[in-house]
Amino acid sequence: MSLTRINQNISAINAQRNLEINTSRISRSIERLASGLRINRGADDPSGLVLSELLRAQVSGLDVAQSNAEQGVNVIKTAEGALNEVNTLLRQMRDLAVNAASDSNNNDDSRAALQQQVTSGINTISQIANNTMYGSRNLLDGSAGTKTTIINQGDIASASLTLGDEEAGYVEVTIDTAAEQAEVGSNFTVAGTAITGGAQAVSAAINAINAAEWGVGETADLIINGVTIITIDDTTTFTQVLTAVNTNSEVDVTAELTGTGGVDMELMFHSDVYGAAEHISVEYDVGVDTINLEGLISGTDDVKFGADNGVDMVGHAHFNGGAAVNFHDGSGLTLTNTSHGSIVVDEDANSAQTFSDALYVEEGELSFQIGVNENQVAGMEIRDCRATALGSGVDATYTSLSLIDISTVDGATYALDVIDGAINEISTLRGNLGAFQVNELEAQTRSLAVSRENLAASESSIRDTDFGREMAEFTTSQILVQSATAFLAQANALPQNVLTLIRG
């Protein structure tokens, strides 16, 4: 390289190029030392970045899976703690049954008192099963993990089903017997007799039907379920009767005037709720038999009293096209099977009919995602722990714990077998829950912690800065930058030597 040329200072260009290289090296070292990461962008190590991100995703997933397993332990502890109380209640009920089974200690009155305690225990067990929840998930009512989706939302109001031995899938629901309200009608339907609307006096309507003389001062008390609703005199109208019944807070009864008037009118009274538990009685008390009430409520005699009970809905269901499962144990508009749960039918759909594919039921179990990949789950089924589902099939006299009666010696004896069966069922479930907690959730938690540690170490070795090595690189780069800077200054001064030749 000639030193007598000035258009291109090759030495300066060379020094500048090396200065830029060393400046880039020291900048990269500063970034790594400041961030603590060896790989800050893809250009730093493309393949290392890909592997590092995959490991990071696994480490993050393991953190969540470990949290899931720990939360699962809390879920199981919640369920098992409630079952411990159920076991305590069952032991107390067994003691009561043993006491009631001995004639030496009890008479009928004391056994009745013991039965009251048993009934209280049964109710408490069902309350525990219905109310034990983790977040919004019921744990002991048979629905733990079971997902029931209502397909026919126009006809099915709600449903809570468990599969048992049935298959998951669509459920067809059939109403065999529609639910009924308790209902009593006062008959004002007589051919050829014109009965007008609500403004007409009740006395005039009765007189028009029976040719009776309801004079001034004559009265009749309308009594519903033992409560005097209104005293009817010769001026009382149907509208006043309707208002008195429908605004009375002591009876859950609705009155209405059916038909369109004329020969089709009936004054109807019905319970506000459907079901066999509903009862209604209607009485017209005239005090003395001076008013003819012939056929007013029913028949052709001088009838002044009528009573009726409601009717529970009865039906059956087919799980995924399987055999019919009877739902006969419900009340009102609710269809219930002790093993498979309940279905509530909308009031507007209350008639004998079939709803195809009304529901969809999926497999029932608690499911915990305890791994980072698909299907790495742990599942645990929790049976129905309500009193209606415990002790089933143990004794022919009492088909479940909810039906036991220790008010007699024989009843107390039979009840012992049912209670023992319930104790065995709850104890077995508690053992299964404990095994699931220890062998699957807690063991998995420890395994996940080890896996997370190893993967984090692998990801760190790829991506994190080795400070000892990087400080050595930084020191080298720092010296080279300083050296390149100094010699760039020297190289820039070389062209000035040409001036010596010019001056001669």
Protein backbone atom coordinates (compact mmCIF):
# COMPACT_ATOMS: atom_id res chain seq x y z
CA MET A 1 0.00 0.00 0.00
CA SER A 2 1.52 3.30 -1.06
CA LEU A 3 1.62 6.16 1.44
CA THR A 4 1.91 8.77 -1.34
CA ARG A 5 -1.77 8.58 -2.42
CA ILE A 6 -4.40 10.73 -0.69
CA ASN A 7 -7.71 10.00 -2.53
CA GLN A 8 -8.19 6.72 -0.65
CA ASN A 9 -6.86 6.34 2.91
CA ILE A 10 -6.99 2.55 3.05
CA SER A 11 -5.48 2.42 6.56
CA ALA A 12 -8.23 4.68 7.89
CA ILE A 13 -10.91 2.64 6.14
CA ASN A 14 -9.50 -0.55 7.64
CA ALA A 15 -9.33 0.97 11.12
CA GLN A 16 -12.87 2.32 10.78
CA ARG A 17 -14.22 -1.09 9.71
CA ASN A 18 -12.65 -2.79 12.71
CA LEU A 19 -13.91 -0.04 15.01
CA GLU A 20 -17.49 -0.65 13.79
CA ILE A 21 -17.12 -4.40 14.34
CA ASN A 22 -15.78 -3.93 17.86
CA THR A 23 -18.43 -1.29 18.64
CA SER A 24 -21.15 -3.78 17.61
CA ARG A 25 -19.53 -6.46 19.81
CA ILE A 26 -19.42 -4.20 22.86
CA SER A 27 -23.00 -3.02 22.26
CA ARG A 28 -24.21 -6.64 22.12
CA SER A 29 -22.31 -7.43 25.34
CA ILE A 30 -23.82 -4.41 27.09
CA GLU A 31 -27.33 -5.48 26.01
CA ARG A 32 -26.81 -9.03 27.29
CA LEU A 33 -25.35 -7.84 30.57
CA ALA A 34 -28.13 -5.29 31.05
CA SER A 35 -31.03 -7.66 30.14
CA GLY A 36 -29.59 -10.85 31.62
CA LEU A 37 -30.50 -12.65 28.38
CA ARG A 38 -28.14 -14.09 25.83
CA ILE A 39 -30.90 -14.17 23.23
CA ASN A 40 -32.80 -10.88 22.95
CA ARG A 41 -33.97 -11.25 19.35
CA GLY A 42 -34.10 -13.90 16.69
CA ALA A 43 -30.86 -12.72 15.11
CA ASP A 44 -28.94 -13.48 18.28
CA ASP A 45 -29.52 -17.26 17.90
CA PRO A 46 -32.38 -18.31 15.58
CA SER A 47 -32.45 -22.00 16.50
CA GLY A 48 -31.84 -21.26 20.17
CA LEU A 49 -34.77 -18.81 20.18
CA VAL A 50 -37.14 -21.45 18.75
CA LEU A 51 -36.14 -24.08 21.31
CA SER A 52 -36.20 -21.54 24.13
CA GLU A 53 -39.77 -20.40 23.31
CA LEU A 54 -40.97 -24.01 23.22
CA LEU A 55 -39.42 -24.63 26.63
CA ARG A 56 -40.88 -21.39 27.97
CA ALA A 57 -44.38 -22.48 26.88
CA GLN A 58 -43.91 -25.81 28.64
CA VAL A 59 -42.64 -24.17 31.82
CA SER A 60 -45.60 -21.78 31.85
CA GLY A 61 -48.02 -24.65 31.23
CA LEU A 62 -46.43 -26.67 34.03
CA ASP A 63 -46.97 -23.74 36.40
CA VAL A 64 -50.69 -23.71 35.57
CA ALA A 65 -50.98 -27.51 35.71
CA GLN A 66 -49.31 -27.53 39.11
CA SER A 67 -51.77 -24.86 40.27
CA ASN A 68 -54.65 -26.97 38.90
CA ALA A 69 -53.48 -30.00 40.84
CA GLU A 70 -53.15 -27.96 44.03
CA GLN A 71 -56.65 -26.52 43.54
CA GLY A 72 -57.88 -30.06 42.90
CA VAL A 73 -56.56 -31.09 46.30
CA ASN A 74 -58.60 -28.26 47.82
CA VAL A 75 -61.71 -29.44 45.95
CA ILE A 76 -61.30 -32.98 47.27
CA LYS A 77 -60.65 -31.70 50.79
CA THR A 78 -63.87 -29.67 50.60
CA ALA A 79 -65.91 -32.70 49.54
CA GLU A 80 -64.23 -35.03 52.04
CA GLY A 81 -64.73 -32.58 54.90
CA ALA A 82 -68.46 -32.43 54.18
CA LEU A 83 -68.64 -36.24 53.99
CA ASN A 84 -67.02 -36.44 57.41
CA GLU A 85 -70.05 -34.59 58.79
CA VAL A 86 -72.35 -36.98 56.90
CA ASN A 87 -70.57 -39.93 58.52
CA THR A 88 -71.08 -38.33 61.94
CA LEU A 89 -74.81 -37.88 61.27
CA LEU A 90 -75.15 -41.47 60.09
CA ARG A 91 -73.47 -42.78 63.25
CA GLN A 92 -75.86 -40.72 65.36
CA MET A 93 -78.84 -42.03 63.38
CA ARG A 94 -77.63 -45.60 63.87
CA ASP A 95 -77.43 -45.05 67.63
CA LEU A 96 -81.01 -43.74 67.57
CA ALA A 97 -82.17 -46.81 65.60
CA VAL A 98 -80.45 -49.15 68.06
CA ASN A 99 -82.18 -47.31 70.89
CA ALA A 100 -85.59 -47.49 69.20
CA ALA A 101 -85.23 -51.20 68.46
CA SER A 102 -85.34 -52.08 72.18
CA ASP A 103 -88.71 -52.40 73.94
CA SER A 104 -86.96 -52.12 77.29
CA ASN A 105 -86.09 -48.47 76.71
CA ASN A 106 -88.91 -46.96 74.69
CA ASN A 107 -92.61 -46.59 74.23
CA ASP A 108 -94.42 -45.26 71.17
CA ASP A 109 -94.05 -41.62 72.26
CA SER A 110 -90.30 -41.85 72.81
CA ARG A 111 -89.82 -43.66 69.50
CA ALA A 112 -91.74 -40.87 67.78
CA ALA A 113 -89.30 -38.39 69.35
CA LEU A 114 -86.37 -40.50 68.16
CA GLN A 115 -87.87 -40.55 64.67
CA GLN A 116 -88.01 -36.75 64.70
CA GLN A 117 -84.26 -36.70 65.36
CA VAL A 118 -83.71 -39.17 62.52
CA THR A 119 -85.83 -37.04 60.18
CA SER A 120 -83.77 -33.99 61.13
CA GLY A 121 -80.56 -35.92 60.40
CA ILE A 122 -81.90 -37.05 57.01
CA ASN A 123 -82.79 -33.46 56.10
CA THR A 124 -79.36 -32.24 57.19
CA ILE A 125 -77.58 -34.89 55.08
CA SER A 126 -79.52 -33.80 52.00
CA GLN A 127 -78.80 -30.14 52.77
CA ILE A 128 -75.08 -30.88 53.06
CA ALA A 129 -75.17 -32.74 49.75
CA ASN A 130 -77.08 -29.95 48.03
CA ASN A 131 -75.07 -27.07 49.49
CA THR A 132 -71.47 -28.35 49.39
CA MET A 133 -69.86 -26.38 46.58
CA TYR A 134 -66.42 -25.32 45.37
CA GLY A 135 -66.91 -22.03 43.59
CA SER A 136 -70.09 -22.59 41.60
CA ARG A 137 -69.63 -26.39 41.28
CA ASN A 138 -71.83 -28.67 43.37
CA LEU A 139 -69.79 -31.58 44.69
CA LEU A 140 -72.09 -34.04 46.45
CA ASP A 141 -75.50 -33.83 44.80
CA GLY A 142 -74.56 -36.22 41.99
CA SER A 143 -73.85 -33.48 39.46
CA ALA A 144 -70.10 -33.14 40.11
CA GLY A 145 -68.63 -32.88 36.68
CA THR A 146 -71.89 -33.82 34.96
CA LYS A 147 -72.94 -31.32 32.32
CA THR A 148 -76.63 -31.26 31.45
CA THR A 149 -77.46 -29.03 28.50
CA ILE A 150 -81.09 -28.12 27.86
CA ILE A 151 -81.79 -28.40 24.13
CA ASN A 152 -85.56 -27.85 24.28
CA GLN A 153 -85.54 -24.65 26.32
CA GLY A 154 -89.14 -23.84 25.47
CA ASP A 155 -90.51 -26.91 27.28
CA ILE A 156 -87.83 -27.90 29.82
CA ALA A 157 -87.35 -25.27 32.51
CA SER A 158 -84.32 -26.85 34.20
CA ALA A 159 -82.63 -30.21 34.69
CA SER A 160 -79.95 -31.80 36.86
CA LEU A 161 -79.16 -35.34 35.77
CA THR A 162 -76.60 -37.98 36.56
CA LEU A 163 -75.86 -40.88 34.24
CA GLY A 164 -75.27 -43.81 36.58
CA ASP A 165 -75.31 -46.87 34.30
CA GLU A 166 -76.90 -44.96 31.42
CA GLU A 167 -75.00 -43.73 28.37
CA ALA A 168 -74.06 -40.13 27.70
CA GLY A 169 -75.85 -38.39 24.86
CA TYR A 170 -79.28 -36.99 24.03
CA VAL A 171 -82.18 -37.60 26.42
CA GLU A 172 -85.79 -38.01 25.28
CA VAL A 173 -88.37 -36.95 27.88
CA THR A 174 -91.97 -38.21 27.93
CA ILE A 175 -94.77 -36.88 30.16
CA ASP A 176 -97.08 -39.81 30.91
CA THR A 177 -99.31 -37.96 33.38
CA ALA A 178 -99.61 -34.19 33.41
CA ALA A 179 -99.37 -32.32 36.71
CA GLU A 180 -102.56 -30.82 38.10
CA GLN A 181 -103.43 -28.09 40.54
CA ALA A 182 -105.91 -28.78 43.30
CA GLU A 183 -109.17 -27.38 41.94
CA VAL A 184 -112.76 -26.93 43.11
CA GLY A 185 -115.45 -25.34 40.98
CA SER A 186 -118.73 -23.72 41.98
CA ASN A 187 -121.13 -24.70 39.26
CA PHE A 188 -123.28 -21.99 37.71
CA THR A 189 -123.84 -23.92 34.50
CA VAL A 190 -127.53 -24.65 33.91
CA ALA A 191 -128.97 -24.92 30.42
CA GLY A 192 -131.23 -22.04 29.52
CA THR A 193 -130.23 -19.87 32.48
CA ALA A 194 -128.48 -16.64 31.62
CA ILE A 195 -125.63 -15.82 33.98
CA THR A 196 -123.91 -12.52 33.27
CA GLY A 197 -120.36 -11.48 34.16
CA GLY A 198 -118.51 -10.33 37.26
CA ALA A 199 -120.87 -7.47 38.07
CA GLN A 200 -123.78 -9.80 38.75
CA ALA A 201 -124.74 -10.58 42.33
CA VAL A 202 -123.88 -14.11 43.45
CA SER A 203 -127.28 -14.43 45.17
CA ALA A 204 -129.09 -13.59 41.94
CA ALA A 205 -127.07 -16.21 40.05
CA ILE A 206 -127.95 -18.89 42.60
CA ASN A 207 -131.58 -17.85 42.58
CA ALA A 208 -131.67 -17.97 38.79
CA ILE A 209 -130.36 -21.53 38.85
CA ASN A 210 -132.32 -23.01 41.73
CA ALA A 211 -135.37 -20.76 41.98
CA ALA A 212 -134.35 -20.04 45.56
CA GLU A 213 -135.32 -16.95 47.47
CA TRP A 214 -132.13 -15.23 48.71
CA GLY A 215 -133.64 -12.37 50.58
CA VAL A 216 -132.31 -9.34 52.32
CA GLY A 217 -130.19 -10.33 55.31
CA GLU A 218 -129.43 -13.82 54.01
CA THR A 219 -125.64 -14.56 54.04
CA ALA A 220 -123.18 -17.33 53.26
CA ASP A 221 -119.51 -17.46 54.27
CA LEU A 222 -117.05 -18.56 51.61
CA ILE A 223 -114.44 -20.65 53.45
CA ILE A 224 -111.28 -21.84 51.65
CA ASN A 225 -108.80 -24.13 53.42
CA GLY A 226 -110.45 -23.25 56.73
CA VAL A 227 -110.08 -19.49 56.21
CA THR A 228 -113.21 -17.34 55.89
CA ILE A 229 -112.57 -15.30 52.76
CA ILE A 230 -115.75 -13.25 52.37
CA THR A 231 -119.31 -13.14 53.61
CA ILE A 232 -121.66 -13.14 50.66
CA ASP A 233 -124.96 -11.30 50.95
CA ASP A 234 -127.60 -10.37 48.41
CA THR A 235 -125.42 -7.51 47.04
CA THR A 236 -122.05 -9.30 46.75
CA THR A 237 -120.85 -9.59 43.14
CA PHE A 238 -118.61 -12.16 41.51
CA THR A 239 -115.93 -9.50 41.05
CA GLN A 240 -115.88 -8.87 44.80
CA VAL A 241 -115.51 -12.60 45.44
CA LEU A 242 -112.62 -12.85 42.97
CA THR A 243 -110.85 -9.87 44.54
CA ALA A 244 -111.30 -11.21 48.06
CA VAL A 245 -109.81 -14.60 47.16
CA ASN A 246 -106.95 -13.36 44.99
CA THR A 247 -105.77 -10.75 47.50
CA ASN A 248 -105.97 -12.98 50.59
CA SER A 249 -102.44 -13.74 51.85
CA GLU A 250 -103.53 -16.64 54.07
CA VAL A 251 -104.35 -19.01 51.22
CA ASP A 252 -102.29 -19.74 48.10
CA VAL A 253 -105.40 -19.97 45.94
CA THR A 254 -106.51 -18.21 42.76
CA ALA A 255 -110.14 -17.65 41.81
CA GLU A 256 -111.36 -17.04 38.29
CA LEU A 257 -114.64 -16.85 36.45
CA THR A 258 -114.39 -19.24 33.54
CA GLY A 259 -116.35 -19.30 30.32
CA THR A 260 -117.91 -16.42 28.46
CA GLY A 261 -121.08 -15.96 30.52
CA GLY A 262 -124.51 -17.30 29.80
CA VAL A 263 -124.84 -21.02 30.42
CA ASP A 264 -121.06 -21.69 30.56
CA MET A 265 -120.01 -19.85 33.73
CA GLU A 266 -118.10 -21.48 36.59
CA LEU A 267 -116.47 -19.88 39.61
CA MET A 268 -113.22 -21.86 39.84
CA PHE A 269 -110.77 -22.02 42.74
CA HIS A 270 -107.34 -23.63 42.22
CA SER A 271 -104.08 -23.88 44.13
CA ASP A 272 -101.27 -21.66 42.90
CA VAL A 273 -98.84 -24.61 42.77
CA TYR A 274 -99.06 -27.95 40.99
CA GLY A 275 -98.69 -31.30 42.72
CA ALA A 276 -100.14 -33.89 45.07
CA ALA A 277 -98.87 -31.95 48.09
CA GLU A 278 -101.37 -29.19 47.27
CA HIS A 279 -104.85 -29.40 48.81
CA ILE A 280 -107.82 -27.12 48.52
CA SER A 281 -111.18 -27.19 50.27
CA VAL A 282 -114.09 -24.86 49.52
CA GLU A 283 -117.16 -24.48 51.71
CA TYR A 284 -120.24 -22.28 51.61
CA ASP A 285 -121.47 -21.94 55.19
CA VAL A 286 -125.05 -20.61 55.23
CA GLY A 287 -125.52 -21.08 58.95
CA VAL A 288 -129.11 -22.27 58.54
CA ASP A 289 -130.54 -24.29 55.70
CA THR A 290 -132.73 -21.51 54.38
CA ILE A 291 -130.75 -21.11 51.16
CA ASN A 292 -130.89 -23.87 48.59
CA LEU A 293 -127.35 -24.62 47.34
CA GLU A 294 -128.39 -27.63 45.32
CA GLY A 295 -125.56 -28.71 43.03
CA LEU A 296 -123.54 -25.56 43.72
CA ILE A 297 -120.25 -27.43 43.96
CA SER A 298 -121.06 -30.87 42.58
CA GLY A 299 -123.81 -33.44 42.18
CA THR A 300 -127.50 -32.87 42.57
CA ASP A 301 -127.80 -32.74 46.36
CA ASP A 302 -127.60 -29.72 48.60
CA VAL A 303 -123.78 -29.65 48.34
CA LYS A 304 -121.93 -26.94 50.22
CA PHE A 305 -118.43 -28.45 50.46
CA GLY A 306 -115.84 -29.62 47.96
CA ALA A 307 -112.17 -30.66 48.22
CA ASP A 308 -109.43 -31.74 45.87
CA ASN A 309 -105.72 -32.62 45.81
CA GLY A 310 -103.33 -31.78 43.02
CA VAL A 311 -101.51 -34.40 40.93
CA ASP A 312 -97.77 -34.85 40.46
CA MET A 313 -96.33 -35.17 36.99
CA VAL A 314 -95.26 -38.68 36.03
CA GLY A 315 -92.97 -39.48 33.12
CA HIS A 316 -89.99 -41.39 31.81
CA ALA A 317 -86.81 -40.71 29.88
CA HIS A 318 -84.60 -42.53 27.40
CA PHE A 319 -80.86 -41.87 27.77
CA ASN A 320 -79.17 -42.00 24.35
CA GLY A 321 -81.89 -44.27 22.93
CA GLY A 322 -81.69 -46.73 25.83
CA ALA A 323 -84.48 -48.35 27.82
CA ALA A 324 -87.10 -46.22 29.53
CA VAL A 325 -86.13 -44.85 32.95
CA ASN A 326 -89.14 -43.97 35.09
CA PHE A 327 -89.30 -40.54 36.73
CA HIS A 328 -92.14 -41.07 39.21
CA ASP A 329 -90.77 -39.63 42.45
CA GLY A 330 -91.12 -35.94 41.73
CA SER A 331 -93.57 -33.31 42.89
CA GLY A 332 -95.64 -30.88 40.90
CA LEU A 333 -93.97 -30.10 37.58
CA THR A 334 -90.74 -31.87 38.60
CA LEU A 335 -89.88 -35.34 37.32
CA THR A 336 -87.45 -37.13 39.62
CA ASN A 337 -85.58 -40.42 39.67
CA THR A 338 -83.57 -41.15 42.82
CA SER A 339 -80.60 -42.42 40.80
CA HIS A 340 -80.64 -40.03 37.84
CA GLY A 341 -81.72 -36.64 39.16
CA SER A 342 -84.59 -34.37 38.21
CA ILE A 343 -86.22 -32.59 35.27
CA VAL A 344 -88.48 -29.55 35.69
CA VAL A 345 -91.07 -29.07 32.92
CA ASP A 346 -92.29 -25.61 31.96
CA GLU A 347 -95.90 -24.94 32.98
CA ASP A 348 -96.87 -24.19 29.37
CA ALA A 349 -95.69 -27.69 28.35
CA ASN A 350 -97.73 -29.44 31.03
CA SER A 351 -99.50 -32.12 28.99
CA ALA A 352 -98.97 -35.75 28.04
CA GLN A 353 -96.39 -35.56 25.24
CA THR A 354 -92.83 -36.49 24.24
CA PHE A 355 -89.87 -34.14 23.85
CA SER A 356 -87.29 -35.71 21.54
CA ASP A 357 -83.65 -34.80 22.20
CA ALA A 358 -84.79 -32.47 24.97
CA LEU A 359 -81.49 -32.67 26.88
CA TYR A 360 -77.86 -33.58 26.34
CA VAL A 361 -75.94 -35.20 29.19
CA GLU A 362 -72.18 -35.64 29.24
CA GLU A 363 -70.10 -38.00 31.38
CA GLY A 364 -70.17 -37.05 35.01
CA GLU A 365 -66.89 -36.56 36.86
CA LEU A 366 -64.64 -33.89 38.23
CA SER A 367 -61.87 -33.32 35.71
CA PHE A 368 -58.52 -31.69 36.47
CA GLN A 369 -56.02 -30.66 33.76
CA ILE A 370 -52.76 -31.72 35.40
CA GLY A 371 -50.48 -31.74 32.34
CA VAL A 372 -49.39 -29.33 29.63
CA ASN A 373 -50.82 -31.34 26.73
CA GLU A 374 -54.21 -32.55 25.56
CA ASN A 375 -55.82 -35.41 27.53
CA GLN A 376 -53.36 -35.10 30.41
CA VAL A 377 -56.22 -35.01 32.91
CA ALA A 378 -57.21 -36.71 36.17
CA GLY A 379 -60.87 -37.52 36.72
CA MET A 380 -62.87 -38.47 39.80
CA GLU A 381 -66.56 -39.37 39.97
CA ILE A 382 -68.45 -38.37 43.11
CA ARG A 383 -71.73 -40.19 43.68
CA ASP A 384 -75.00 -38.61 44.76
CA CYS A 385 -74.80 -38.25 48.54
CA ARG A 386 -78.33 -37.03 49.18
CA ALA A 387 -80.46 -39.13 51.51
CA THR A 388 -82.65 -40.26 48.62
CA ALA A 389 -79.63 -41.90 46.96
CA LEU A 390 -78.02 -43.53 50.01
CA GLY A 391 -78.80 -47.06 51.20
CA SER A 392 -80.64 -47.98 48.00
CA GLY A 393 -81.23 -51.68 47.42
CA VAL A 394 -80.20 -52.70 50.93
CA ASP A 395 -83.66 -53.41 52.29
CA ALA A 396 -87.01 -54.02 50.60
CA THR A 397 -88.91 -52.13 53.30
CA TYR A 398 -86.96 -48.89 52.94
CA THR A 399 -85.59 -48.30 49.45
CA SER A 400 -83.38 -45.42 50.57
CA LEU A 401 -82.14 -43.65 53.69
CA SER A 402 -84.71 -40.89 53.21
CA LEU A 403 -87.59 -43.34 53.92
CA ILE A 404 -86.45 -44.99 57.15
CA ASP A 405 -88.87 -44.89 60.10
CA ILE A 406 -87.80 -46.00 63.57
CA SER A 407 -91.13 -45.29 65.28
CA THR A 408 -91.67 -49.08 65.55
CA VAL A 409 -89.39 -51.91 66.63
CA ASP A 410 -89.53 -53.57 63.20
CA GLY A 411 -88.94 -50.26 61.46
CA ALA A 412 -85.89 -49.54 63.61
CA THR A 413 -84.51 -53.02 62.88
CA TYR A 414 -84.93 -52.63 59.13
CA ALA A 415 -83.49 -49.12 59.33
CA LEU A 416 -80.23 -50.44 60.79
CA ASP A 417 -79.40 -52.28 57.56
CA VAL A 418 -80.14 -49.19 55.47
CA ILE A 419 -78.04 -46.93 57.70
CA ASP A 420 -75.17 -49.45 57.65
CA GLY A 421 -75.38 -49.48 53.85
CA ALA A 422 -75.25 -45.68 53.76
CA ILE A 423 -72.26 -45.64 56.14
CA ASN A 424 -70.45 -48.11 53.88
CA GLU A 425 -71.22 -46.01 50.79
CA ILE A 426 -70.00 -42.76 52.33
CA SER A 427 -66.91 -44.40 53.87
CA THR A 428 -66.01 -46.01 50.54
CA LEU A 429 -66.41 -42.68 48.76
CA ARG A 430 -64.19 -40.95 51.32
CA GLY A 431 -61.54 -43.64 50.82
CA ASN A 432 -61.71 -43.19 47.04
CA LEU A 433 -61.41 -39.43 47.41
CA GLY A 434 -58.41 -39.81 49.70
CA ALA A 435 -56.68 -42.21 47.30
CA PHE A 436 -57.33 -39.85 44.40
CA GLN A 437 -55.94 -36.92 46.38
CA VAL A 438 -52.77 -38.71 47.46
CA ASN A 439 -51.99 -40.92 44.48
CA GLU A 440 -52.98 -38.64 41.61
CA LEU A 441 -53.17 -35.00 42.63
CA GLU A 442 -50.48 -34.67 45.30
CA ALA A 443 -48.07 -37.06 43.54
CA GLN A 444 -48.66 -35.22 40.28
CA THR A 445 -47.98 -31.90 42.00
CA ARG A 446 -44.56 -33.14 43.10
CA SER A 447 -43.82 -34.58 39.66
CA LEU A 448 -44.80 -31.34 37.97
CA ALA A 449 -42.51 -29.38 40.29
CA VAL A 450 -39.52 -31.55 39.27
CA SER A 451 -40.38 -31.28 35.56
CA ARG A 452 -40.78 -27.53 35.83
CA GLU A 453 -37.39 -27.22 37.53
CA ASN A 454 -35.59 -29.24 34.85
CA LEU A 455 -37.25 -27.49 31.93
CA ALA A 456 -36.55 -24.09 33.46
CA ALA A 457 -32.89 -25.04 33.83
CA SER A 458 -32.77 -26.10 30.17
CA GLU A 459 -34.41 -22.89 29.01
CA SER A 460 -32.03 -20.84 31.18
CA SER A 461 -28.94 -22.53 29.73
CA ILE A 462 -30.09 -21.60 26.23
CA ARG A 463 -31.39 -18.09 26.74
CA ASP A 464 -29.86 -16.55 29.87
CA THR A 465 -26.60 -14.61 29.95
CA ASP A 466 -23.46 -16.28 31.31
CA PHE A 467 -22.13 -13.21 33.14
CA GLY A 468 -18.59 -14.53 33.60
CA ARG A 469 -18.19 -15.32 29.92
CA GLU A 470 -19.95 -12.15 28.81
CA MET A 471 -17.82 -9.91 31.05
CA ALA A 472 -14.71 -11.39 29.45
CA GLU A 473 -16.23 -10.68 26.02
CA PHE A 474 -17.13 -7.15 27.13
CA THR A 475 -13.58 -6.46 28.40
CA THR A 476 -12.04 -7.71 25.16
CA SER A 477 -14.46 -5.66 23.06
CA GLN A 478 -13.83 -2.57 25.21
CA ILE A 479 -10.05 -2.81 24.68
CA LEU A 480 -10.46 -3.39 20.95
CA VAL A 481 -12.78 -0.36 20.62
CA GLN A 482 -10.27 1.84 22.41
CA SER A 483 -7.40 0.47 20.27
CA ALA A 484 -9.32 0.85 17.02
CA THR A 485 -10.28 4.40 17.96
CA ALA A 486 -6.64 5.34 18.64
CA PHE A 487 -5.29 3.83 15.46
CA LEU A 488 -8.09 5.34 13.38
CA ALA A 489 -6.77 8.69 14.54
CA GLN A 490 -3.25 7.65 13.47
CA ALA A 491 -4.48 6.43 10.10
CA ASN A 492 -6.29 9.70 9.49
CA ALA A 493 -2.96 11.54 10.00
CA LEU A 494 -0.97 9.53 7.41
CA PRO A 495 -1.95 11.60 4.31
CA GLN A 496 -0.28 14.62 5.88
CA ASN A 497 3.12 12.99 5.05
CA VAL A 498 2.51 13.91 1.41
CA LEU A 499 2.97 17.60 2.33
CA THR A 500 6.64 16.91 3.03
CA LEU A 501 7.11 15.87 -0.61
CA ILE A 502 5.30 18.97 -1.85
CA ARG A 503 7.41 21.39 0.22
CA GLY A 504 10.60 19.74 -1.15
